[in-house]
Amino acid sequence: MFKKTDPETIAPYLKDASNFSEGQASEVIIPESREELIAYLKENETPVTLAGAGTGLTASRIPLGGVIVSMERFKTLGSVKDGTIRVGPAVTLQDLQDHLKNSGWFYPPNPTEWLASIGGTLATNASGARSYKYGTTRQFVLEADIVLSDGRTASVRRGNTIDRPLQLDDGSAIDFPSVNFKSPECKNAAGYFVRPGMDWLDLFIGSDGTLCVFTECTLKLLQAPFDFLSGILFLKQEEACWELLEKIRKSQSSEISPCSLEYFDSRSLQRLKQKFGNVPEEAQVALFFEQDVASQQEYDLCLEIWYEFLEKEKVLLEDSWFAQGPKDIAKFQDFRHQLPLMINEENSRLGRVKMGTDMAVDDGHFRRMMQFYQDELTGSGLDFVMFGHIGDNHLHINLLPDAKQMSLARETYSTLVDQILEWGGTISAEHGVGKLKKEYYHKMIGNQALEELWEIKKKLDPQCRLGAGNLF
């Protein structure tokens, strides 16, 4: 086991992609094995914050005191067996995809940040663009070896439901407390997942580093497709894009079955035109789609059917882009990923603070959500961009206020939150809550539910040592 106590060696662990600057810790503990981690936690009496790759956006890994336990040495990466693979929490998504290359298998969850660790994606129930078809991380975890804050351990498998006590390796057991709270039906990564009769595993996934330490997990893989059919569709009107999305959802054709549907509003395209000169001048909105196809024959058929389908819609079809090979696919992925990078660069250059949303609603509120966003944001007088996972009704709104507009930006953000919650939505669909979105999370679930979730926390972490400041 390694320890770091010098402030200069601790400093890198006090940062993540959220730019939260209030972190502090007395030391960093780096166990090299599960046994070392267990021994340390059995003796430890101070608050523990778990550190992954540092790609998170909610400051979950940044401590407010106590010690940091870094899982950076847990890099086991097994071989594929019957469509599953065992991995350690420090393995990155890039490590995993590289390992699976040419194996005939792939791991569907694809958050934008490929350097994210598997442990971090479990802690936040991360998703990505392909969640429209495949779902979130939770759907692809079959088993996890966990360590509780006091050093007790368990292997939690699918089928171990909360209707029965959680059996720990030392013979003790933990009952799930009686709660009335139930998680939203939409795509959601805000706080503890709670549904009647669910698996214990589902509770630990998305728990923001507050309930357990993941030391190894078994992931479900899918057979790799022959290829991904993809395109970027340009339209003249925002409303035409919303209508197109609804028709794609309602399509009965098996050849119209995308795994990704990504949205770019007019302000997003204004910026992207700086790097992609062939974006049509008259385009006011874009829809990126991606679909997995099993064979060359199916690929050609899907492309033909998509084209026929789109000919009847208000798409600038001659000016839209369809992938013709690996270079085009890479270009389209770059198009999708460039916008956040451009916004971050713009903010840095202008000394501006970004306020980003991560909210989602169910399908029944999609059109009302889009119209509300359009009216509220345009009327606010703030600069903004809106993009993201429109297939999941999950858009990222980046409010871009100047120094004199911060109060207005906070008011606008709160107005958006209040309406989404009135529709039964979530304040975080993929990034988690951490330390930065607690106020909105508490508003989302209410005081009674907060007390119930606190009871869950105390059952599994009686001394409340893990992830202090996250969620609660």
Protein backbone atom coordinates (compact mmCIF):
# COMPACT_ATOMS: atom_id res chain seq x y z
CA MET A 1 0.00 0.00 0.00
CA PHE A 2 1.23 3.47 -0.88
CA LYS A 3 0.54 6.66 1.05
CA LYS A 4 0.91 10.24 -0.11
CA THR A 5 0.99 12.95 2.53
CA ASP A 6 2.87 15.77 0.84
CA PRO A 7 0.47 18.54 -0.29
CA GLU A 8 2.04 18.56 -3.76
CA THR A 9 1.39 14.84 -4.26
CA ILE A 10 -2.15 15.13 -2.88
CA ALA A 11 -3.04 18.12 -5.08
CA PRO A 12 -3.76 16.15 -8.31
CA TYR A 13 -6.41 14.14 -6.44
CA LEU A 14 -8.24 17.33 -5.47
CA LYS A 15 -9.28 18.00 -9.07
CA ASP A 16 -11.73 16.62 -11.58
CA ALA A 17 -13.56 17.86 -14.67
CA SER A 18 -16.01 19.88 -12.54
CA ASN A 19 -13.37 22.52 -11.63
CA PHE A 20 -14.58 22.39 -8.00
CA SER A 21 -11.84 24.07 -5.97
CA GLU A 22 -12.69 23.45 -2.32
CA GLY A 23 -11.15 20.01 -1.88
CA GLN A 24 -8.89 19.06 1.01
CA ALA A 25 -7.49 15.81 2.39
CA SER A 26 -4.84 14.74 4.88
CA GLU A 27 -3.48 11.88 2.76
CA VAL A 28 -4.00 9.63 -0.24
CA ILE A 29 -4.12 5.86 0.28
CA ILE A 30 -3.36 3.66 -2.72
CA PRO A 31 -4.05 -0.02 -1.97
CA GLU A 32 -2.55 -2.57 -4.35
CA SER A 33 -4.92 -5.40 -3.56
CA ARG A 34 -8.38 -6.07 -2.21
CA GLU A 35 -6.83 -7.47 0.97
CA GLU A 36 -4.91 -4.23 1.59
CA LEU A 37 -8.08 -2.19 1.04
CA ILE A 38 -10.07 -4.36 3.46
CA ALA A 39 -7.37 -4.20 6.14
CA TYR A 40 -7.17 -0.42 5.85
CA LEU A 41 -10.93 0.12 6.06
CA LYS A 42 -11.23 -2.15 9.10
CA GLU A 43 -8.79 0.06 11.00
CA ASN A 44 -9.78 3.44 9.55
CA GLU A 45 -12.08 5.81 11.43
CA THR A 46 -11.88 8.90 9.22
CA PRO A 47 -14.07 9.96 6.26
CA VAL A 48 -13.06 8.32 2.97
CA THR A 49 -13.53 9.72 -0.53
CA LEU A 50 -12.97 7.36 -3.44
CA ALA A 51 -10.89 8.58 -6.38
CA GLY A 52 -11.27 7.28 -9.91
CA ALA A 53 -9.98 8.78 -13.15
CA GLY A 54 -11.11 12.33 -12.38
CA THR A 55 -13.39 12.74 -15.41
CA GLY A 56 -16.55 13.39 -13.37
CA LEU A 57 -18.48 16.65 -13.58
CA THR A 58 -20.04 16.83 -10.10
CA ALA A 59 -16.98 16.81 -7.76
CA SER A 60 -17.87 13.39 -6.33
CA ARG A 61 -14.22 12.39 -6.05
CA ILE A 62 -13.07 15.66 -4.45
CA PRO A 63 -12.99 15.35 -0.62
CA LEU A 64 -14.05 17.97 1.90
CA GLY A 65 -11.69 16.44 4.46
CA GLY A 66 -10.51 13.03 5.66
CA VAL A 67 -8.56 10.75 3.33
CA ILE A 68 -8.66 9.79 -0.32
CA VAL A 69 -8.61 6.13 -1.31
CA SER A 70 -7.44 5.88 -4.91
CA MET A 71 -8.36 2.71 -6.82
CA GLU A 72 -5.77 3.35 -9.54
CA ARG A 73 -3.96 0.00 -9.06
CA PHE A 74 -7.10 -2.13 -9.61
CA LYS A 75 -6.58 -2.75 -13.32
CA THR A 76 -7.47 -6.40 -13.82
CA LEU A 77 -8.78 -7.08 -17.32
CA GLY A 78 -9.89 -10.64 -17.97
CA SER A 79 -10.70 -12.56 -21.12
CA VAL A 80 -14.16 -12.82 -22.65
CA LYS A 81 -16.17 -15.79 -21.42
CA ASP A 82 -19.66 -16.49 -22.72
CA GLY A 83 -20.23 -12.86 -23.53
CA THR A 84 -18.97 -11.52 -20.19
CA ILE A 85 -15.73 -10.03 -18.92
CA ARG A 86 -14.24 -9.40 -15.45
CA VAL A 87 -12.62 -6.00 -14.97
CA GLY A 88 -11.18 -3.89 -12.19
CA PRO A 89 -12.50 -0.40 -11.40
CA ALA A 90 -9.37 1.39 -12.68
CA VAL A 91 -9.75 -0.02 -16.19
CA THR A 92 -10.79 2.81 -18.50
CA LEU A 93 -13.44 2.60 -21.20
CA GLN A 94 -10.64 3.03 -23.74
CA ASP A 95 -8.70 0.13 -22.17
CA LEU A 96 -11.79 -2.07 -22.38
CA GLN A 97 -12.68 -1.20 -25.98
CA ASP A 98 -9.07 -1.71 -27.10
CA HIS A 99 -9.03 -5.07 -25.32
CA LEU A 100 -12.24 -6.14 -27.07
CA LYS A 101 -11.11 -5.07 -30.54
CA ASN A 102 -11.27 -7.99 -32.98
CA SER A 103 -12.85 -10.20 -30.29
CA GLY A 104 -16.32 -10.17 -31.86
CA TRP A 105 -17.76 -8.47 -28.76
CA PHE A 106 -18.35 -4.90 -27.61
CA TYR A 107 -19.41 -2.99 -24.52
CA PRO A 108 -22.30 -0.63 -25.43
CA PRO A 109 -22.18 2.16 -22.78
CA ASN A 110 -20.20 4.98 -24.42
CA PRO A 111 -19.90 8.15 -22.34
CA THR A 112 -18.14 10.94 -24.20
CA GLU A 113 -15.07 10.67 -21.96
CA TRP A 114 -13.21 7.50 -22.99
CA LEU A 115 -10.68 7.97 -20.17
CA ALA A 116 -13.42 7.46 -17.57
CA SER A 117 -12.77 4.48 -15.31
CA ILE A 118 -15.20 1.57 -15.10
CA GLY A 119 -15.49 2.20 -11.36
CA GLY A 120 -16.50 5.80 -12.04
CA THR A 121 -19.10 4.74 -14.59
CA LEU A 122 -20.58 2.32 -12.05
CA ALA A 123 -20.63 5.02 -9.38
CA THR A 124 -22.61 7.37 -11.62
CA ASN A 125 -24.54 4.85 -13.76
CA ALA A 126 -23.00 6.54 -16.79
CA SER A 127 -24.54 6.16 -20.21
CA GLY A 128 -23.70 8.11 -23.38
CA ALA A 129 -25.14 8.53 -26.85
CA ARG A 130 -26.07 4.87 -27.38
CA SER A 131 -28.26 4.70 -24.29
CA TYR A 132 -31.28 5.35 -26.54
CA LYS A 133 -31.17 1.69 -27.57
CA TYR A 134 -28.90 -0.05 -25.11
CA GLY A 135 -29.67 1.70 -21.82
CA THR A 136 -27.21 2.73 -19.14
CA THR A 137 -24.29 1.09 -17.32
CA ARG A 138 -26.72 -0.56 -14.90
CA GLN A 139 -28.06 -2.85 -17.65
CA PHE A 140 -24.57 -4.25 -18.31
CA VAL A 141 -23.34 -5.11 -14.81
CA LEU A 142 -23.97 -8.74 -13.84
CA GLU A 143 -21.94 -8.99 -10.64
CA ALA A 144 -19.71 -6.84 -8.45
CA ASP A 145 -17.30 -7.54 -5.62
CA ILE A 146 -17.77 -4.78 -3.06
CA VAL A 147 -16.19 -3.63 0.18
CA LEU A 148 -18.20 -1.64 2.72
CA SER A 149 -16.77 1.26 4.69
CA ASP A 150 -15.96 -0.97 7.70
CA GLY A 151 -14.11 -3.57 5.61
CA ARG A 152 -16.92 -6.11 5.32
CA THR A 153 -17.26 -7.66 1.86
CA ALA A 154 -19.78 -9.24 -0.48
CA SER A 155 -20.19 -10.48 -4.04
CA VAL A 156 -23.44 -9.03 -5.29
CA ARG A 157 -25.07 -10.82 -8.21
CA ARG A 158 -28.13 -10.47 -10.38
CA GLY A 159 -31.02 -12.20 -8.65
CA ASN A 160 -29.98 -11.04 -5.16
CA THR A 161 -33.05 -8.89 -4.56
CA ILE A 162 -33.76 -6.41 -1.78
CA ASP A 163 -36.69 -8.60 -0.70
CA ARG A 164 -34.04 -10.70 1.03
CA PRO A 165 -31.16 -9.53 3.25
CA LEU A 166 -27.82 -8.79 1.65
CA GLN A 167 -25.54 -11.66 2.72
CA LEU A 168 -21.98 -10.58 3.54
CA ASP A 169 -18.93 -12.81 3.37
CA ASP A 170 -18.46 -12.82 7.15
CA GLY A 171 -21.91 -14.35 7.69
CA SER A 172 -23.65 -11.12 8.69
CA ALA A 173 -26.59 -9.71 6.75
CA ILE A 174 -28.16 -6.32 6.04
CA ASP A 175 -31.88 -5.76 5.59
CA PHE A 176 -33.20 -3.20 3.13
CA PRO A 177 -35.20 -0.59 5.06
CA SER A 178 -38.85 0.12 4.33
CA VAL A 179 -39.10 3.04 1.89
CA ASN A 180 -41.86 4.62 -0.16
CA PHE A 181 -39.55 6.48 -2.51
CA LYS A 182 -39.34 5.23 -6.09
CA SER A 183 -36.90 6.45 -8.74
CA PRO A 184 -38.22 8.33 -11.80
CA GLU A 185 -39.25 6.32 -14.85
CA CYS A 186 -37.12 8.39 -17.23
CA LYS A 187 -33.38 7.99 -17.83
CA ASN A 188 -31.93 8.90 -14.43
CA ALA A 189 -28.57 9.06 -12.62
CA ALA A 190 -29.62 11.15 -9.63
CA GLY A 191 -29.00 9.41 -6.32
CA TYR A 192 -29.93 5.93 -5.19
CA PHE A 193 -31.91 3.77 -7.60
CA VAL A 194 -34.93 2.40 -5.74
CA ARG A 195 -37.65 0.17 -7.21
CA PRO A 196 -39.75 -2.56 -5.54
CA GLY A 197 -38.11 -5.98 -5.79
CA MET A 198 -34.97 -4.69 -7.48
CA ASP A 199 -31.54 -6.31 -7.18
CA TRP A 200 -29.15 -5.07 -4.51
CA LEU A 201 -26.69 -4.55 -7.36
CA ASP A 202 -28.91 -1.83 -8.80
CA LEU A 203 -28.70 0.13 -5.54
CA PHE A 204 -24.89 0.15 -5.51
CA ILE A 205 -24.66 1.23 -9.16
CA GLY A 206 -25.16 5.00 -9.26
CA SER A 207 -24.62 5.51 -5.53
CA ASP A 208 -21.97 8.21 -6.08
CA GLY A 209 -19.27 6.56 -3.96
CA THR A 210 -21.39 6.67 -0.78
CA LEU A 211 -22.28 3.01 -0.18
CA CYS A 212 -19.38 0.76 -1.19
CA VAL A 213 -16.07 0.36 -2.97
CA PHE A 214 -16.14 -1.66 -6.19
CA THR A 215 -13.07 -3.90 -6.44
CA GLU A 216 -14.04 -5.99 -9.48
CA CYS A 217 -17.12 -6.51 -11.60
CA THR A 218 -18.50 -8.75 -14.33
CA LEU A 219 -19.82 -6.88 -17.37
CA LYS A 220 -22.22 -8.15 -20.00
CA LEU A 221 -21.05 -7.74 -23.59
CA LEU A 222 -22.95 -7.84 -26.87
CA GLN A 223 -21.86 -9.33 -30.15
CA ALA A 224 -20.12 -6.66 -32.17
CA PRO A 225 -22.10 -5.44 -35.18
CA PHE A 226 -20.71 -5.55 -38.70
CA ASP A 227 -20.72 -1.75 -38.68
CA PHE A 228 -22.60 1.35 -37.56
CA LEU A 229 -24.71 3.18 -40.12
CA SER A 230 -24.57 6.86 -39.23
CA GLY A 231 -25.51 10.24 -40.58
CA ILE A 232 -25.94 13.89 -39.66
CA LEU A 233 -29.26 15.28 -40.85
CA PHE A 234 -29.69 19.01 -41.30
CA LEU A 235 -33.06 20.78 -41.12
CA LYS A 236 -34.26 24.36 -41.49
CA GLN A 237 -36.56 24.42 -38.45
CA GLU A 238 -36.30 23.23 -34.86
CA GLU A 239 -39.90 21.98 -34.84
CA ALA A 240 -39.26 19.88 -37.95
CA CYS A 241 -36.50 18.07 -36.04
CA TRP A 242 -38.83 17.36 -33.12
CA GLU A 243 -41.44 15.96 -35.52
CA LEU A 244 -38.82 13.80 -37.23
CA LEU A 245 -37.71 12.38 -33.90
CA GLU A 246 -41.25 11.36 -33.02
CA LYS A 247 -41.69 9.65 -36.40
CA ILE A 248 -38.44 7.74 -35.88
CA ARG A 249 -39.69 6.60 -32.49
CA LYS A 250 -42.99 5.43 -33.94
CA SER A 251 -41.49 3.69 -36.97
CA GLN A 252 -42.45 0.04 -37.20
CA SER A 253 -39.57 -0.75 -39.55
CA SER A 254 -36.80 -2.91 -38.09
CA GLU A 255 -34.42 -1.06 -40.40
CA ILE A 256 -35.26 2.26 -38.69
CA SER A 257 -33.91 1.37 -35.26
CA PRO A 258 -31.15 3.78 -34.17
CA CYS A 259 -29.02 3.29 -31.08
CA SER A 260 -28.10 7.01 -30.95
CA LEU A 261 -30.08 10.18 -31.61
CA GLU A 262 -28.17 13.39 -30.87
CA TYR A 263 -29.43 16.96 -31.22
CA PHE A 264 -27.68 20.25 -32.08
CA ASP A 265 -29.59 23.52 -31.93
CA SER A 266 -28.94 26.59 -34.11
CA ARG A 267 -26.45 28.09 -31.64
CA SER A 268 -24.53 24.83 -31.58
CA LEU A 269 -24.33 24.81 -35.39
CA GLN A 270 -23.12 28.42 -35.45
CA ARG A 271 -20.08 27.31 -33.48
CA LEU A 272 -19.55 24.02 -35.29
CA LYS A 273 -19.51 25.81 -38.66
CA GLN A 274 -16.17 27.30 -37.59
CA LYS A 275 -14.57 23.84 -37.80
CA PHE A 276 -16.89 22.09 -40.25
CA GLY A 277 -17.19 24.37 -43.25
CA ASN A 278 -19.65 22.13 -45.13
CA VAL A 279 -22.47 22.60 -42.62
CA PRO A 280 -25.29 24.01 -44.81
CA GLU A 281 -25.81 27.75 -44.36
CA GLU A 282 -29.60 27.41 -44.13
CA ALA A 283 -29.44 24.66 -41.49
CA GLN A 284 -30.87 25.70 -38.13
CA VAL A 285 -30.71 22.32 -36.42
CA ALA A 286 -29.02 18.93 -36.83
CA LEU A 287 -29.84 15.38 -35.80
CA PHE A 288 -27.05 12.81 -35.59
CA PHE A 289 -28.18 9.18 -35.83
CA GLU A 290 -26.29 5.93 -35.49
CA GLN A 291 -27.56 2.41 -36.01
CA ASP A 292 -25.85 -0.92 -35.50
CA VAL A 293 -26.13 -3.35 -38.42
CA ALA A 294 -25.24 -7.02 -38.44
CA SER A 295 -24.02 -7.56 -42.04
CA GLN A 296 -23.02 -5.84 -45.28
CA GLN A 297 -26.33 -6.90 -46.87
CA GLU A 298 -28.28 -5.43 -43.96
CA TYR A 299 -26.17 -2.26 -44.09
CA ASP A 300 -27.06 -1.54 -47.70
CA LEU A 301 -30.74 -2.28 -47.07
CA CYS A 302 -30.85 -0.04 -43.97
CA LEU A 303 -29.20 2.84 -45.82
CA GLU A 304 -31.74 2.55 -48.63
CA ILE A 305 -34.70 2.43 -46.26
CA TRP A 306 -33.40 5.37 -44.20
CA TYR A 307 -33.01 7.41 -47.37
CA GLU A 308 -36.55 6.60 -48.54
CA PHE A 309 -37.88 7.41 -45.08
CA LEU A 310 -36.10 10.78 -44.97
CA GLU A 311 -37.21 11.79 -48.47
CA LYS A 312 -40.71 12.33 -47.03
CA GLU A 313 -39.44 14.55 -44.21
CA LYS A 314 -38.29 18.18 -44.01
CA VAL A 315 -34.62 17.24 -44.16
CA LEU A 316 -32.02 19.01 -46.29
CA LEU A 317 -31.28 15.60 -47.70
CA GLU A 318 -28.80 16.57 -50.42
CA ASP A 319 -26.77 18.56 -47.89
CA SER A 320 -26.93 16.00 -45.08
CA TRP A 321 -24.03 13.66 -44.38
CA PHE A 322 -24.04 9.85 -44.51
CA ALA A 323 -21.01 7.81 -43.54
CA GLN A 324 -19.27 6.08 -46.43
CA GLY A 325 -16.49 4.49 -44.41
CA PRO A 326 -14.39 4.62 -41.24
CA LYS A 327 -13.10 8.15 -41.96
CA ASP A 328 -16.65 9.51 -42.15
CA ILE A 329 -17.64 7.72 -38.95
CA ALA A 330 -14.63 9.25 -37.19
CA LYS A 331 -15.57 12.67 -38.59
CA PHE A 332 -19.14 12.36 -37.32
CA GLN A 333 -17.94 11.34 -33.88
CA ASP A 334 -15.61 14.34 -33.92
CA PHE A 335 -18.56 16.57 -34.87
CA ARG A 336 -20.49 15.26 -31.88
CA HIS A 337 -17.61 15.68 -29.43
CA GLN A 338 -16.24 19.02 -30.64
CA LEU A 339 -19.01 21.22 -29.29
CA PRO A 340 -18.27 20.75 -25.55
CA LEU A 341 -14.57 21.29 -26.28
CA MET A 342 -15.31 24.48 -28.18
CA ILE A 343 -17.54 25.78 -25.39
CA ASN A 344 -14.86 25.07 -22.77
CA GLU A 345 -12.24 26.87 -24.86
CA GLU A 346 -14.58 29.80 -25.42
CA ASN A 347 -15.32 30.07 -21.70
CA SER A 348 -11.64 29.93 -20.81
CA ARG A 349 -10.79 32.64 -23.35
CA LEU A 350 -13.62 34.93 -22.20
CA GLY A 351 -13.26 34.20 -18.48
CA ARG A 352 -16.84 33.01 -18.45
CA VAL A 353 -18.53 30.42 -16.22
CA LYS A 354 -20.64 27.69 -17.81
CA MET A 355 -23.80 26.48 -16.08
CA GLY A 356 -24.78 23.13 -17.59
CA THR A 357 -27.96 21.11 -17.16
CA ASP A 358 -28.25 17.31 -17.20
CA MET A 359 -32.04 16.94 -16.96
CA ALA A 360 -34.48 14.54 -18.61
CA VAL A 361 -38.20 13.73 -18.74
CA ASP A 362 -40.25 10.78 -19.98
CA ASP A 363 -41.46 10.48 -23.58
CA GLY A 364 -44.88 11.88 -22.75
CA HIS A 365 -43.42 15.29 -21.92
CA PHE A 366 -40.97 15.54 -24.82
CA ARG A 367 -42.74 18.15 -26.97
CA ARG A 368 -43.70 20.29 -24.00
CA MET A 369 -40.09 20.13 -22.77
CA MET A 370 -38.69 21.25 -26.13
CA GLN A 371 -41.13 24.15 -26.50
CA PHE A 372 -40.56 25.20 -22.89
CA TYR A 373 -36.79 25.21 -23.35
CA GLN A 374 -37.08 27.19 -26.55
CA ASP A 375 -39.39 29.83 -25.08
CA GLU A 376 -37.66 30.17 -21.72
CA LEU A 377 -34.11 30.29 -23.02
CA THR A 378 -34.77 32.60 -25.94
CA GLY A 379 -36.68 34.95 -23.67
CA SER A 380 -33.98 35.00 -20.99
CA GLY A 381 -31.54 37.15 -22.97
CA LEU A 382 -28.70 34.76 -22.07
CA ASP A 383 -26.34 33.18 -24.53
CA PHE A 384 -26.75 29.40 -24.51
CA VAL A 385 -26.34 26.23 -26.53
CA MET A 386 -28.56 23.15 -26.39
CA PHE A 387 -27.42 19.73 -27.55
CA GLY A 388 -27.39 16.11 -26.48
CA HIS A 389 -29.31 12.87 -26.21
CA ILE A 390 -32.66 13.87 -27.64
CA GLY A 391 -33.73 10.24 -28.05
CA ASP A 392 -33.81 9.97 -24.24
CA ASN A 393 -35.41 13.44 -23.84
CA HIS A 394 -32.09 14.31 -22.24
CA LEU A 395 -30.55 17.55 -23.46
CA HIS A 396 -27.55 19.45 -22.15
CA ILE A 397 -28.24 23.16 -21.93
CA ASN A 398 -25.13 25.26 -21.41
CA LEU A 399 -26.01 28.69 -20.07
CA LEU A 400 -23.20 31.10 -20.96
CA PRO A 401 -23.67 34.25 -18.86
CA ASP A 402 -21.25 37.14 -18.75
CA ALA A 403 -20.11 38.45 -15.37
CA LYS A 404 -23.17 40.71 -15.01
CA GLN A 405 -25.66 37.94 -15.79
CA MET A 406 -24.79 35.36 -13.13
CA SER A 407 -27.87 36.09 -11.03
CA LEU A 408 -30.09 35.86 -14.11
CA ALA A 409 -28.44 32.58 -15.10
CA ARG A 410 -29.10 31.06 -11.67
CA GLU A 411 -32.74 32.19 -11.80
CA THR A 412 -33.13 30.71 -15.28
CA TYR A 413 -31.50 27.44 -14.20
CA SER A 414 -33.90 27.19 -11.24
CA THR A 415 -36.87 27.88 -13.50
CA LEU A 416 -35.82 25.03 -15.79
CA VAL A 417 -35.34 22.68 -12.83
CA ASP A 418 -38.74 23.52 -11.33
CA GLN A 419 -40.57 22.74 -14.57
CA ILE A 420 -38.71 19.49 -15.21
CA LEU A 421 -39.50 18.33 -11.68
CA GLU A 422 -43.16 19.28 -12.10
CA TRP A 423 -43.21 16.85 -15.04
CA GLY A 424 -41.69 14.07 -12.90
CA GLY A 425 -38.26 14.31 -14.52
CA THR A 426 -34.74 14.17 -13.13
CA ILE A 427 -32.10 16.79 -12.45
CA SER A 428 -29.36 14.38 -13.56
CA ALA A 429 -29.73 11.79 -16.29
CA GLU A 430 -26.08 10.73 -16.61
CA HIS A 431 -23.55 12.73 -14.56
CA GLY A 432 -24.75 12.02 -11.03
CA VAL A 433 -25.29 14.48 -8.17
CA GLY A 434 -22.03 14.59 -6.23
CA LYS A 435 -21.46 17.81 -4.33
CA LEU A 436 -22.60 20.28 -6.98
CA LYS A 437 -26.25 19.34 -7.55
CA LYS A 438 -27.38 18.47 -4.04
CA GLU A 439 -29.68 21.48 -3.77
CA TYR A 440 -31.61 20.41 -6.86
CA TYR A 441 -31.51 16.73 -5.91
CA HIS A 442 -33.08 17.49 -2.53
CA LYS A 443 -35.75 19.56 -4.25
CA MET A 444 -36.35 16.68 -6.65
CA ILE A 445 -36.99 13.97 -4.07
CA GLY A 446 -38.30 15.97 -1.08
CA ASN A 447 -37.57 15.75 2.64
CA GLN A 448 -39.38 12.48 3.34
CA ALA A 449 -37.58 10.63 0.56
CA LEU A 450 -34.29 12.17 1.66
CA GLU A 451 -34.80 10.73 5.13
CA GLU A 452 -35.62 7.32 3.64
CA LEU A 453 -32.49 7.31 1.49
CA TRP A 454 -30.46 8.39 4.51
CA GLU A 455 -31.71 5.21 6.25
CA ILE A 456 -30.35 3.17 3.33
CA LYS A 457 -27.03 4.96 3.68
CA LYS A 458 -26.83 4.21 7.42
CA LYS A 459 -27.67 0.53 6.91
CA LEU A 460 -24.65 0.06 4.66
CA ASP A 461 -22.32 2.73 6.06
CA PRO A 462 -23.28 3.07 9.76
CA GLN A 463 -20.49 5.55 10.54
CA CYS A 464 -21.23 7.55 7.36
CA ARG A 465 -17.59 7.48 6.31
CA LEU A 466 -17.91 7.01 2.55
CA GLY A 467 -18.32 9.89 0.12
CA ALA A 468 -18.99 12.61 2.69
CA GLY A 469 -20.66 15.57 0.97
CA ASN A 470 -22.02 13.55 -1.95
CA LEU A 471 -25.83 13.43 -2.23
CA PHE A 472 -26.46 14.30 1.43
